Amino acid sequence: MSAATGQNGQTVYRKNVIINNASLARNIQIADMKSDFVGNLLRAHVSLLNKDNDTMNLQFKFSWFDENGREIDPDTDAWTPVILYGNESKSLQGVAPNPNAKEFKIKIRELQDE
């Protein structure tokens, strides 16, 4: 997991997080990111923090990569909705589709009102 220390000493996980717009990226913080194994499958744990007072309707999905950096089974995971209330922290989890996964990325986007 690639992490760097950003402003105010917070940890930044740029390599593993894809957020679809700059406004959303400013209003959420990745509080923690780690992985472990369930049997021989990689499991991802990501803690999000809403830094804003407003409720956010988000969707997330994990992408899984093998030891050579190739994506495994792209587009097989569906986007999962999550509501993040003002100043709330929430943990998200995902399990790799097969034992070849050695790395992950999480994609986060805002759910647009219809």
PDB file of N, CA and C in Angstrom:
ATOM      1  N   MET A   1       0.849  -1.161   0.000  1.00  0.00           N
ATOM      2  CA  MET A   1       0.000   0.000   0.000  1.00  0.00           C
ATOM      3  C   MET A   1       0.897   1.227   0.000  1.00  0.00           C
ATOM      4  N   SER A   2       0.699   2.099  -0.906  1.00  0.00           N
ATOM      5  CA  SER A   2       1.518   3.297  -1.011  1.00  0.00           C
ATOM      6  C   SER A   2       0.841   4.434  -0.249  1.00  0.00           C
ATOM      7  N   ALA A   3       1.517   4.960   0.743  1.00  0.00           N
ATOM      8  CA  ALA A   3       0.978   6.058   1.519  1.00  0.00           C
ATOM      9  C   ALA A   3       2.054   7.117   1.678  1.00  0.00           C
ATOM     10  N   ALA A   4       1.625   8.363   1.717  1.00  0.00           N
ATOM     11  CA  ALA A   4       2.535   9.475   1.944  1.00  0.00           C
ATOM     12  C   ALA A   4       1.903  10.385   2.982  1.00  0.00           C
ATOM     13  N   THR A   5       2.706  11.181   3.648  1.00  0.00           N
ATOM     14  CA  THR A   5       2.177  12.121   4.621  1.00  0.00           C
ATOM     15  C   THR A   5       1.941  13.446   3.930  1.00  0.00           C
ATOM     16  N   GLY A   6       0.708  13.928   4.025  1.00  0.00           N
ATOM     17  CA  GLY A   6       0.327  15.180   3.389  1.00  0.00           C
ATOM     18  C   GLY A   6       0.307  16.316   4.388  1.00  0.00           C
ATOM     19  N   GLN A   7      -0.378  17.397   4.031  1.00  0.00           N
ATOM     20  CA  GLN A   7      -0.506  18.548   4.914  1.00  0.00           C
ATOM     21  C   GLN A   7      -1.192  18.129   6.201  1.00  0.00           C
ATOM     22  N   ASN A   8      -0.867  18.804   7.274  1.00  0.00           N
ATOM     23  CA  ASN A   8      -1.448  18.550   8.594  1.00  0.00           C
ATOM     24  C   ASN A   8      -1.165  17.139   9.083  1.00  0.00           C
ATOM     25  N   GLY A   9      -0.169  16.476   8.517  1.00  0.00           N
ATOM     26  CA  GLY A   9       0.208  15.156   8.971  1.00  0.00           C
ATOM     27  C   GLY A   9      -0.733  14.033   8.598  1.00  0.00           C
ATOM     28  N   GLN A  10      -1.738  14.307   7.762  1.00  0.00           N
ATOM     29  CA  GLN A  10      -2.667  13.233   7.392  1.00  0.00           C
ATOM     30  C   GLN A  10      -2.032  12.336   6.337  1.00  0.00           C
ATOM     31  N   THR A  11      -2.425  11.070   6.359  1.00  0.00           N
ATOM     32  CA  THR A  11      -1.878  10.109   5.419  1.00  0.00           C
ATOM     33  C   THR A  11      -2.656  10.170   4.112  1.00  0.00           C
ATOM     34  N   VAL A  12      -1.940  10.159   2.998  1.00  0.00           N
ATOM     35  CA  VAL A  12      -2.547  10.262   1.679  1.00  0.00           C
ATOM     36  C   VAL A  12      -2.237   8.975   0.916  1.00  0.00           C
ATOM     37  N   TYR A  13      -3.285   8.365   0.344  1.00  0.00           N
ATOM     38  CA  TYR A  13      -3.148   7.098  -0.381  1.00  0.00           C
ATOM     39  C   TYR A  13      -3.441   7.320  -1.869  1.00  0.00           C
ATOM     40  N   ARG A  14      -2.685   8.168  -2.522  1.00  0.00           N
ATOM     41  CA  ARG A  14      -2.984   8.538  -3.911  1.00  0.00           C
ATOM     42  C   ARG A  14      -3.028   7.357  -4.864  1.00  0.00           C
ATOM     43  N   LYS A  15      -2.100   6.453  -4.748  1.00  0.00           N
ATOM     44  CA  LYS A  15      -1.980   5.360  -5.701  1.00  0.00           C
ATOM     45  C   LYS A  15      -3.186   4.424  -5.660  1.00  0.00           C
ATOM     46  N   ASN A  16      -3.834   4.314  -4.517  1.00  0.00           N
ATOM     47  CA  ASN A  16      -4.887   3.325  -4.339  1.00  0.00           C
ATOM     48  C   ASN A  16      -6.302   3.894  -4.361  1.00  0.00           C
ATOM     49  N   VAL A  17      -6.453   5.198  -4.563  1.00  0.00           N
ATOM     50  CA  VAL A  17      -7.772   5.822  -4.498  1.00  0.00           C
ATOM     51  C   VAL A  17      -8.035   6.604  -5.777  1.00  0.00           C
ATOM     52  N   ILE A  18      -9.216   6.376  -6.363  1.00  0.00           N
ATOM     53  CA  ILE A  18      -9.643   7.125  -7.538  1.00  0.00           C
ATOM     54  C   ILE A  18     -10.970   7.795  -7.189  1.00  0.00           C
ATOM     55  N   ILE A  19     -10.997   9.115  -7.179  1.00  0.00           N
ATOM     56  CA  ILE A  19     -12.207   9.891  -6.868  1.00  0.00           C
ATOM     57  C   ILE A  19     -12.553  10.698  -8.100  1.00  0.00           C
ATOM     58  N   ASN A  20     -13.849  10.685  -8.465  1.00  0.00           N
ATOM     59  CA  ASN A  20     -14.228  11.202  -9.775  1.00  0.00           C
ATOM     60  C   ASN A  20     -14.294  12.715  -9.916  1.00  0.00           C
ATOM     61  N   ASN A  21     -14.195  13.479  -8.833  1.00  0.00           N
ATOM     62  CA  ASN A  21     -14.149  14.933  -9.002  1.00  0.00           C
ATOM     63  C   ASN A  21     -13.427  15.608  -7.842  1.00  0.00           C
ATOM     64  N   ALA A  22     -12.878  16.784  -8.107  1.00  0.00           N
ATOM     65  CA  ALA A  22     -12.038  17.485  -7.143  1.00  0.00           C
ATOM     66  C   ALA A  22     -12.818  17.924  -5.911  1.00  0.00           C
ATOM     67  N   SER A  23     -14.058  18.344  -6.095  1.00  0.00           N
ATOM     68  CA  SER A  23     -14.880  18.781  -4.965  1.00  0.00           C
ATOM     69  C   SER A  23     -15.104  17.639  -3.988  1.00  0.00           C
ATOM     70  N   LEU A  24     -15.436  16.484  -4.515  1.00  0.00           N
ATOM     71  CA  LEU A  24     -15.629  15.307  -3.671  1.00  0.00           C
ATOM     72  C   LEU A  24     -14.320  14.934  -2.971  1.00  0.00           C
ATOM     73  N   ALA A  25     -13.216  14.993  -3.685  1.00  0.00           N
ATOM     74  CA  ALA A  25     -11.917  14.648  -3.116  1.00  0.00           C
ATOM     75  C   ALA A  25     -11.559  15.564  -1.942  1.00  0.00           C
ATOM     76  N   ARG A  26     -11.982  16.818  -1.981  1.00  0.00           N
ATOM     77  CA  ARG A  26     -11.710  17.751  -0.881  1.00  0.00           C
ATOM     78  C   ARG A  26     -12.566  17.448   0.341  1.00  0.00           C
ATOM     79  N   ASN A  27     -13.750  16.874   0.123  1.00  0.00           N
ATOM     80  CA  ASN A  27     -14.700  16.695   1.216  1.00  0.00           C
ATOM     81  C   ASN A  27     -14.663  15.333   1.887  1.00  0.00           C
ATOM     82  N   ILE A  28     -13.934  14.398   1.323  1.00  0.00           N
ATOM     83  CA  ILE A  28     -13.776  13.119   1.999  1.00  0.00           C
ATOM     84  C   ILE A  28     -12.294  12.847   2.227  1.00  0.00           C
ATOM     85  N   GLN A  29     -12.037  12.123   3.280  1.00  0.00           N
ATOM     86  CA  GLN A  29     -10.664  11.761   3.618  1.00  0.00           C
ATOM     87  C   GLN A  29     -10.601  10.250   3.794  1.00  0.00           C
ATOM     88  N   ILE A  30      -9.547   9.654   3.281  1.00  0.00           N
ATOM     89  CA  ILE A  30      -9.293   8.246   3.537  1.00  0.00           C
ATOM     90  C   ILE A  30      -8.592   8.201   4.892  1.00  0.00           C
ATOM     91  N   ALA A  31      -9.325   7.793   5.925  1.00  0.00           N
ATOM     92  CA  ALA A  31      -8.788   7.789   7.280  1.00  0.00           C
ATOM     93  C   ALA A  31      -7.839   6.613   7.499  1.00  0.00           C
ATOM     94  N   ASP A  32      -8.121   5.493   6.820  1.00  0.00           N
ATOM     95  CA  ASP A  32      -7.280   4.319   6.974  1.00  0.00           C
ATOM     96  C   ASP A  32      -7.494   3.405   5.778  1.00  0.00           C
ATOM     97  N   MET A  33      -6.470   2.673   5.420  1.00  0.00           N
ATOM     98  CA  MET A  33      -6.557   1.716   4.318  1.00  0.00           C
ATOM     99  C   MET A  33      -5.609   0.571   4.618  1.00  0.00           C
ATOM    100  N   LYS A  34      -6.145  -0.641   4.614  1.00  0.00           N
ATOM    101  CA  LYS A  34      -5.298  -1.804   4.866  1.00  0.00           C
ATOM    102  C   LYS A  34      -5.903  -3.014   4.180  1.00  0.00           C
ATOM    103  N   SER A  35      -5.163  -4.100   4.208  1.00  0.00           N
ATOM    104  CA  SER A  35      -5.656  -5.333   3.605  1.00  0.00           C
ATOM    105  C   SER A  35      -5.197  -6.513   4.435  1.00  0.00           C
ATOM    106  N   ASP A  36      -5.937  -7.615   4.302  1.00  0.00           N
ATOM    107  CA  ASP A  36      -5.566  -8.877   4.916  1.00  0.00           C
ATOM    108  C   ASP A  36      -6.094  -9.979   4.016  1.00  0.00           C
ATOM    109  N   PHE A  37      -6.063 -11.198   4.475  1.00  0.00           N
ATOM    110  CA  PHE A  37      -6.526 -12.314   3.660  1.00  0.00           C
ATOM    111  C   PHE A  37      -7.645 -13.064   4.362  1.00  0.00           C
ATOM    112  N   VAL A  38      -8.620 -13.473   3.573  1.00  0.00           N
ATOM    113  CA  VAL A  38      -9.676 -14.377   4.002  1.00  0.00           C
ATOM    114  C   VAL A  38      -9.385 -15.667   3.252  1.00  0.00           C
ATOM    115  N   GLY A  39      -8.839 -16.647   3.937  1.00  0.00           N
ATOM    116  CA  GLY A  39      -8.350 -17.821   3.225  1.00  0.00           C
ATOM    117  C   GLY A  39      -7.199 -17.379   2.338  1.00  0.00           C
ATOM    118  N   ASN A  40      -7.354 -17.582   1.019  1.00  0.00           N
ATOM    119  CA  ASN A  40      -6.311 -17.124   0.093  1.00  0.00           C
ATOM    120  C   ASN A  40      -6.761 -15.926  -0.741  1.00  0.00           C
ATOM    121  N   LEU A  41      -7.837 -15.252  -0.320  1.00  0.00           N
ATOM    122  CA  LEU A  41      -8.349 -14.090  -1.046  1.00  0.00           C
ATOM    123  C   LEU A  41      -8.002 -12.796  -0.316  1.00  0.00           C
ATOM    124  N   LEU A  42      -7.511 -11.816  -1.079  1.00  0.00           N
ATOM    125  CA  LEU A  42      -7.192 -10.503  -0.531  1.00  0.00           C
ATOM    126  C   LEU A  42      -8.474  -9.783  -0.144  1.00  0.00           C
ATOM    127  N   ARG A  43      -8.482  -9.206   1.063  1.00  0.00           N
ATOM    128  CA  ARG A  43      -9.626  -8.406   1.511  1.00  0.00           C
ATOM    129  C   ARG A  43      -9.138  -6.990   1.781  1.00  0.00           C
ATOM    130  N   ALA A  44      -9.869  -6.005   1.259  1.00  0.00           N
ATOM    131  CA  ALA A  44      -9.525  -4.597   1.429  1.00  0.00           C
ATOM    132  C   ALA A  44     -10.424  -3.969   2.491  1.00  0.00           C
ATOM    133  N   HIS A  45      -9.828  -3.114   3.307  1.00  0.00           N
ATOM    134  CA  HIS A  45     -10.545  -2.335   4.319  1.00  0.00           C
ATOM    135  C   HIS A  45     -10.195  -0.871   4.087  1.00  0.00           C
ATOM    136  N   VAL A  46     -11.213  -0.038   3.879  1.00  0.00           N
ATOM    137  CA  VAL A  46     -10.990   1.392   3.667  1.00  0.00           C
ATOM    138  C   VAL A  46     -11.940   2.154   4.576  1.00  0.00           C
ATOM    139  N   SER A  47     -11.417   3.103   5.354  1.00  0.00           N
ATOM    140  CA  SER A  47     -12.238   3.951   6.214  1.00  0.00           C
ATOM    141  C   SER A  47     -12.321   5.337   5.592  1.00  0.00           C
ATOM    142  N   LEU A  48     -13.554   5.774   5.331  1.00  0.00           N
ATOM    143  CA  LEU A  48     -13.809   7.101   4.761  1.00  0.00           C
ATOM    144  C   LEU A  48     -14.289   8.037   5.851  1.00  0.00           C
ATOM    145  N   LEU A  49     -13.912   9.287   5.759  1.00  0.00           N
ATOM    146  CA  LEU A  49     -14.387  10.320   6.665  1.00  0.00           C
ATOM    147  C   LEU A  49     -14.977  11.457   5.847  1.00  0.00           C
ATOM    148  N   ASN A  50     -16.218  11.822   6.157  1.00  0.00           N
ATOM    149  CA  ASN A  50     -16.856  12.979   5.529  1.00  0.00           C
ATOM    150  C   ASN A  50     -16.397  14.212   6.293  1.00  0.00           C
ATOM    151  N   LYS A  51     -15.605  15.072   5.670  1.00  0.00           N
ATOM    152  CA  LYS A  51     -15.077  16.268   6.325  1.00  0.00           C
ATOM    153  C   LYS A  51     -16.074  17.424   6.269  1.00  0.00           C
ATOM    154  N   ASP A  52     -17.199  17.219   5.610  1.00  0.00           N
ATOM    155  CA  ASP A  52     -18.219  18.243   5.430  1.00  0.00           C
ATOM    156  C   ASP A  52     -19.378  17.982   6.398  1.00  0.00           C
ATOM    157  N   ASN A  53     -20.234  18.978   6.577  1.00  0.00           N
ATOM    158  CA  ASN A  53     -21.428  18.814   7.412  1.00  0.00           C
ATOM    159  C   ASN A  53     -22.592  18.208   6.645  1.00  0.00           C
ATOM    160  N   ASP A  54     -22.529  18.233   5.331  1.00  0.00           N
ATOM    161  CA  ASP A  54     -23.626  17.743   4.498  1.00  0.00           C
ATOM    162  C   ASP A  54     -23.530  16.236   4.277  1.00  0.00           C
ATOM    163  N   THR A  55     -24.686  15.618   4.059  1.00  0.00           N
ATOM    164  CA  THR A  55     -24.751  14.197   3.738  1.00  0.00           C
ATOM    165  C   THR A  55     -24.287  13.984   2.302  1.00  0.00           C
ATOM    166  N   MET A  56     -23.521  12.926   2.090  1.00  0.00           N
ATOM    167  CA  MET A  56     -23.047  12.590   0.747  1.00  0.00           C
ATOM    168  C   MET A  56     -23.611  11.237   0.338  1.00  0.00           C
ATOM    169  N   ASN A  57     -24.177  11.187  -0.860  1.00  0.00           N
ATOM    170  CA  ASN A  57     -24.608   9.928  -1.460  1.00  0.00           C
ATOM    171  C   ASN A  57     -23.516   9.494  -2.422  1.00  0.00           C
ATOM    172  N   LEU A  58     -22.833   8.424  -2.066  1.00  0.00           N
ATOM    173  CA  LEU A  58     -21.669   7.978  -2.829  1.00  0.00           C
ATOM    174  C   LEU A  58     -21.881   6.570  -3.355  1.00  0.00           C
ATOM    175  N   GLN A  59     -21.008   6.200  -4.258  1.00  0.00           N
ATOM    176  CA  GLN A  59     -20.886   4.821  -4.722  1.00  0.00           C
ATOM    177  C   GLN A  59     -19.400   4.488  -4.721  1.00  0.00           C
ATOM    178  N   PHE A  60     -19.096   3.223  -4.439  1.00  0.00           N
ATOM    179  CA  PHE A  60     -17.709   2.788  -4.480  1.00  0.00           C
ATOM    180  C   PHE A  60     -17.625   1.412  -5.102  1.00  0.00           C
ATOM    181  N   LYS A  61     -16.447   1.104  -5.605  1.00  0.00           N
ATOM    182  CA  LYS A  61     -16.152  -0.252  -6.046  1.00  0.00           C
ATOM    183  C   LYS A  61     -14.651  -0.460  -5.992  1.00  0.00           C
ATOM    184  N   PHE A  62     -14.276  -1.705  -5.806  1.00  0.00           N
ATOM    185  CA  PHE A  62     -12.877  -2.067  -5.748  1.00  0.00           C
ATOM    186  C   PHE A  62     -12.433  -2.627  -7.089  1.00  0.00           C
ATOM    187  N   SER A  63     -11.199  -2.336  -7.458  1.00  0.00           N
ATOM    188  CA  SER A  63     -10.538  -2.954  -8.600  1.00  0.00           C
ATOM    189  C   SER A  63      -9.373  -3.747  -8.034  1.00  0.00           C
ATOM    190  N   TRP A  64      -9.154  -4.925  -8.615  1.00  0.00           N
ATOM    191  CA  TRP A  64      -8.141  -5.856  -8.100  1.00  0.00           C
ATOM    192  C   TRP A  64      -7.051  -6.073  -9.140  1.00  0.00           C
ATOM    193  N   PHE A  65      -5.800  -6.181  -8.678  1.00  0.00           N
ATOM    194  CA  PHE A  65      -4.663  -6.269  -9.578  1.00  0.00           C
ATOM    195  C   PHE A  65      -3.749  -7.422  -9.172  1.00  0.00           C
ATOM    196  N   ASP A  66      -3.177  -8.083 -10.179  1.00  0.00           N
ATOM    197  CA  ASP A  66      -2.261  -9.197  -9.905  1.00  0.00           C
ATOM    198  C   ASP A  66      -0.858  -8.653  -9.616  1.00  0.00           C
ATOM    199  N   GLU A  67       0.090  -9.549  -9.406  1.00  0.00           N
ATOM    200  CA  GLU A  67       1.452  -9.146  -9.037  1.00  0.00           C
ATOM    201  C   GLU A  67       2.154  -8.351 -10.129  1.00  0.00           C
ATOM    202  N   ASN A  68       1.671  -8.429 -11.381  1.00  0.00           N
ATOM    203  CA  ASN A  68       2.250  -7.660 -12.487  1.00  0.00           C
ATOM    204  C   ASN A  68       1.524  -6.345 -12.735  1.00  0.00           C
ATOM    205  N   GLY A  69       0.544  -6.027 -11.900  1.00  0.00           N
ATOM    206  CA  GLY A  69      -0.194  -4.778 -12.042  1.00  0.00           C
ATOM    207  C   GLY A  69      -1.336  -4.833 -13.036  1.00  0.00           C
ATOM    208  N   ARG A  70      -1.669  -6.023 -13.514  1.00  0.00           N
ATOM    209  CA  ARG A  70      -2.795  -6.164 -14.449  1.00  0.00           C
ATOM    210  C   ARG A  70      -4.088  -6.305 -13.673  1.00  0.00           C
ATOM    211  N   GLU A  71      -5.123  -5.608 -14.149  1.00  0.00           N
ATOM    212  CA  GLU A  71      -6.422  -5.679 -13.482  1.00  0.00           C
ATOM    213  C   GLU A  71      -7.054  -7.049 -13.690  1.00  0.00           C
ATOM    214  N   ILE A  72      -7.619  -7.566 -12.620  1.00  0.00           N
ATOM    215  CA  ILE A  72      -8.263  -8.876 -12.638  1.00  0.00           C
ATOM    216  C   ILE A  72      -9.763  -8.690 -12.793  1.00  0.00           C
ATOM    217  N   ASP A  73     -10.353  -9.369 -13.771  1.00  0.00           N
ATOM    218  CA  ASP A  73     -11.805  -9.328 -13.994  1.00  0.00           C
ATOM    219  C   ASP A  73     -12.381  -7.915 -13.926  1.00  0.00           C
ATOM    220  N   PRO A  74     -11.898  -6.991 -14.785  1.00  0.00           N
ATOM    221  CA  PRO A  74     -12.430  -5.625 -14.740  1.00  0.00           C
ATOM    222  C   PRO A  74     -13.927  -5.609 -15.024  1.00  0.00           C
ATOM    223  N   ASP A  75     -14.594  -4.695 -14.398  1.00  0.00           N
ATOM    224  CA  ASP A  75     -16.030  -4.455 -14.587  1.00  0.00           C
ATOM    225  C   ASP A  75     -16.919  -5.609 -14.127  1.00  0.00           C
ATOM    226  N   THR A  76     -16.412  -6.488 -13.269  1.00  0.00           N
ATOM    227  CA  THR A  76     -17.284  -7.538 -12.736  1.00  0.00           C
ATOM    228  C   THR A  76     -17.936  -7.099 -11.425  1.00  0.00           C
ATOM    229  N   ASP A  77     -17.292  -6.227 -10.679  1.00  0.00           N
ATOM    230  CA  ASP A  77     -17.890  -5.715  -9.447  1.00  0.00           C
ATOM    231  C   ASP A  77     -18.821  -4.555  -9.782  1.00  0.00           C
ATOM    232  N   ALA A  78     -19.994  -4.551  -9.143  1.00  0.00           N
ATOM    233  CA  ALA A  78     -20.952  -3.462  -9.333  1.00  0.00           C
ATOM    234  C   ALA A  78     -20.595  -2.308  -8.386  1.00  0.00           C
ATOM    235  N   TRP A  79     -21.050  -1.119  -8.745  1.00  0.00           N
ATOM    236  CA  TRP A  79     -20.916   0.022  -7.849  1.00  0.00           C
ATOM    237  C   TRP A  79     -21.843  -0.218  -6.656  1.00  0.00           C
ATOM    238  N   THR A  80     -21.343   0.056  -5.456  1.00  0.00           N
ATOM    239  CA  THR A  80     -22.100  -0.139  -4.221  1.00  0.00           C
ATOM    240  C   THR A  80     -22.430   1.222  -3.623  1.00  0.00           C
ATOM    241  N   PRO A  81     -23.721   1.490  -3.348  1.00  0.00           N
ATOM    242  CA  PRO A  81     -24.074   2.778  -2.761  1.00  0.00           C
ATOM    243  C   PRO A  81     -23.712   2.845  -1.274  1.00  0.00           C
ATOM    244  N   VAL A  82     -23.367   4.026  -0.829  1.00  0.00           N
ATOM    245  CA  VAL A  82     -23.098   4.267   0.592  1.00  0.00           C
ATOM    246  C   VAL A  82     -23.489   5.706   0.907  1.00  0.00           C
ATOM    247  N   ILE A  83     -24.175   5.899   2.026  1.00  0.00           N
ATOM    248  CA  ILE A  83     -24.521   7.243   2.488  1.00  0.00           C
ATOM    249  C   ILE A  83     -23.553   7.603   3.600  1.00  0.00           C
ATOM    250  N   LEU A  84     -22.938   8.754   3.459  1.00  0.00           N
ATOM    251  CA  LEU A  84     -21.979   9.230   4.444  1.00  0.00           C
ATOM    252  C   LEU A  84     -22.520  10.543   5.004  1.00  0.00           C
ATOM    253  N   TYR A  85     -23.003  10.493   6.236  1.00  0.00           N
ATOM    254  CA  TYR A  85     -23.585  11.683   6.870  1.00  0.00           C
ATOM    255  C   TYR A  85     -22.492  12.663   7.261  1.00  0.00           C
ATOM    256  N   GLY A  86     -22.889  13.892   7.544  1.00  0.00           N
ATOM    257  CA  GLY A  86     -21.927  14.932   7.892  1.00  0.00           C
ATOM    258  C   GLY A  86     -21.010  14.512   9.023  1.00  0.00           C
ATOM    259  N   ASN A  87     -19.705  14.656   8.809  1.00  0.00           N
ATOM    260  CA  ASN A  87     -18.665  14.339   9.785  1.00  0.00           C
ATOM    261  C   ASN A  87     -18.653  12.879  10.231  1.00  0.00           C
ATOM    262  N   GLU A  88     -19.277  12.004   9.443  1.00  0.00           N
ATOM    263  CA  GLU A  88     -19.316  10.579   9.772  1.00  0.00           C
ATOM    264  C   GLU A  88     -18.127   9.851   9.175  1.00  0.00           C
ATOM    265  N   SER A  89     -17.705   8.806   9.869  1.00  0.00           N
ATOM    266  CA  SER A  89     -16.673   7.903   9.372  1.00  0.00           C
ATOM    267  C   SER A  89     -17.331   6.556   9.107  1.00  0.00           C
ATOM    268  N   LYS A  90     -16.968   5.917   8.006  1.00  0.00           N
ATOM    269  CA  LYS A  90     -17.558   4.633   7.645  1.00  0.00           C
ATOM    270  C   LYS A  90     -16.489   3.728   7.057  1.00  0.00           C
ATOM    271  N   SER A  91     -16.579   2.443   7.408  1.00  0.00           N
ATOM    272  CA  SER A  91     -15.635   1.452   6.887  1.00  0.00           C
ATOM    273  C   SER A  91     -16.247   0.714   5.705  1.00  0.00           C
ATOM    274  N   LEU A  92     -15.464   0.544   4.652  1.00  0.00           N
ATOM    275  CA  LEU A  92     -15.876  -0.180   3.453  1.00  0.00           C
ATOM    276  C   LEU A  92     -14.961  -1.385   3.297  1.00  0.00           C
ATOM    277  N   GLN A  93     -15.530  -2.490   2.808  1.00  0.00           N
ATOM    278  CA  GLN A  93     -14.731  -3.697   2.605  1.00  0.00           C
ATOM    279  C   GLN A  93     -15.035  -4.312   1.256  1.00  0.00           C
ATOM    280  N   GLY A  94     -14.067  -5.011   0.738  1.00  0.00           N
ATOM    281  CA  GLY A  94     -14.239  -5.775  -0.490  1.00  0.00           C
ATOM    282  C   GLY A  94     -13.303  -6.967  -0.469  1.00  0.00           C
ATOM    283  N   VAL A  95     -13.715  -8.046  -1.132  1.00  0.00           N
ATOM    284  CA  VAL A  95     -12.898  -9.256  -1.215  1.00  0.00           C
ATOM    285  C   VAL A  95     -12.603  -9.538  -2.684  1.00  0.00           C
ATOM    286  N   ALA A  96     -11.351  -9.837  -2.976  1.00  0.00           N
ATOM    287  CA  ALA A  96     -10.914 -10.096  -4.349  1.00  0.00           C
ATOM    288  C   ALA A  96     -11.664 -11.282  -4.954  1.00  0.00           C
ATOM    289  N   PRO A  97     -11.846 -11.264  -6.281  1.00  0.00           N
ATOM    290  CA  PRO A  97     -12.585 -12.342  -6.938  1.00  0.00           C
ATOM    291  C   PRO A  97     -11.807 -13.650  -7.055  1.00  0.00           C
ATOM    292  N   ASN A  98     -10.476 -13.589  -6.942  1.00  0.00           N
ATOM    293  CA  ASN A  98      -9.688 -14.820  -7.008  1.00  0.00           C
ATOM    294  C   ASN A  98      -8.344 -14.623  -6.305  1.00  0.00           C
ATOM    295  N   PRO A  99      -7.610 -15.712  -6.066  1.00  0.00           N
ATOM    296  CA  PRO A  99      -6.363 -15.637  -5.292  1.00  0.00           C
ATOM    297  C   PRO A  99      -5.211 -14.911  -5.979  1.00  0.00           C
ATOM    298  N   ASN A 100      -5.336 -14.573  -7.253  1.00  0.00           N
ATOM    299  CA  ASN A 100      -4.253 -13.870  -7.950  1.00  0.00           C
ATOM    300  C   ASN A 100      -4.130 -12.406  -7.540  1.00  0.00           C
ATOM    301  N   ALA A 101      -5.138 -11.850  -6.886  1.00  0.00           N
ATOM    302  CA  ALA A 101      -5.114 -10.434  -6.506  1.00  0.00           C
ATOM    303  C   ALA A 101      -4.079 -10.182  -5.419  1.00  0.00           C
ATOM    304  N   LYS A 102      -3.213  -9.210  -5.671  1.00  0.00           N
ATOM    305  CA  LYS A 102      -2.161  -8.844  -4.721  1.00  0.00           C
ATOM    306  C   LYS A 102      -2.258  -7.381  -4.304  1.00  0.00           C
ATOM    307  N   GLU A 103      -3.061  -6.594  -5.010  1.00  0.00           N
ATOM    308  CA  GLU A 103      -3.177  -5.161  -4.783  1.00  0.00           C
ATOM    309  C   GLU A 103      -4.595  -4.743  -5.142  1.00  0.00           C
ATOM    310  N   PHE A 104      -5.028  -3.597  -4.613  1.00  0.00           N
ATOM    311  CA  PHE A 104      -6.364  -3.101  -4.947  1.00  0.00           C
ATOM    312  C   PHE A 104      -6.362  -1.585  -5.065  1.00  0.00           C
ATOM    313  N   LYS A 105      -7.390  -1.085  -5.716  1.00  0.00           N
ATOM    314  CA  LYS A 105      -7.710   0.340  -5.741  1.00  0.00           C
ATOM    315  C   LYS A 105      -9.185   0.453  -5.417  1.00  0.00           C
ATOM    316  N   ILE A 106      -9.561   1.554  -4.800  1.00  0.00           N
ATOM    317  CA  ILE A 106     -10.964   1.833  -4.567  1.00  0.00           C
ATOM    318  C   ILE A 106     -11.343   3.046  -5.406  1.00  0.00           C
ATOM    319  N   LYS A 107     -12.480   2.937  -6.076  1.00  0.00           N
ATOM    320  CA  LYS A 107     -13.023   4.030  -6.881  1.00  0.00           C
ATOM    321  C   LYS A 107     -14.224   4.575  -6.128  1.00  0.00           C
ATOM    322  N   ILE A 108     -14.303   5.898  -6.019  1.00  0.00           N
ATOM    323  CA  ILE A 108     -15.389   6.554  -5.290  1.00  0.00           C
ATOM    324  C   ILE A 108     -15.968   7.634  -6.180  1.00  0.00           C
ATOM    325  N   ARG A 109     -17.301   7.667  -6.251  1.00  0.00           N
ATOM    326  CA  ARG A 109     -17.954   8.725  -7.027  1.00  0.00           C
ATOM    327  C   ARG A 109     -19.227   9.149  -6.315  1.00  0.00           C
ATOM    328  N   GLU A 110     -19.659  10.358  -6.644  1.00  0.00           N
ATOM    329  CA  GLU A 110     -20.917  10.871  -6.098  1.00  0.00           C
ATOM    330  C   GLU A 110     -22.066  10.282  -6.874  1.00  0.00           C
ATOM    331  N   LEU A 111     -23.120   9.928  -6.157  1.00  0.00           N
ATOM    332  CA  LEU A 111     -24.344   9.470  -6.795  1.00  0.00           C
ATOM    333  C   LEU A 111     -25.154  10.712  -7.117  1.00  0.00           C
ATOM    334  N   GLN A 112     -25.398  10.930  -8.388  1.00  0.00           N
ATOM    335  CA  GLN A 112     -26.091  12.134  -8.815  1.00  0.00           C
ATOM    336  C   GLN A 112     -27.584  12.018  -8.573  1.00  0.00           C
ATOM    337  N   ASP A 113     -28.197  13.109  -8.097  1.00  0.00           N
ATOM    338  CA  ASP A 113     -29.655  13.139  -7.941  1.00  0.00           C
ATOM    339  C   ASP A 113     -30.307  13.102  -9.306  1.00  0.00           C
ATOM    340  N   GLU A 114     -31.401  12.374  -9.369  1.00  0.00           N
ATOM    341  CA  GLU A 114     -32.090  12.229 -10.655  1.00  0.00           C
ATOM    342  C   GLU A 114     -33.242  13.182 -10.748  1.00  0.00           C
TER     343      GLU A 114
END
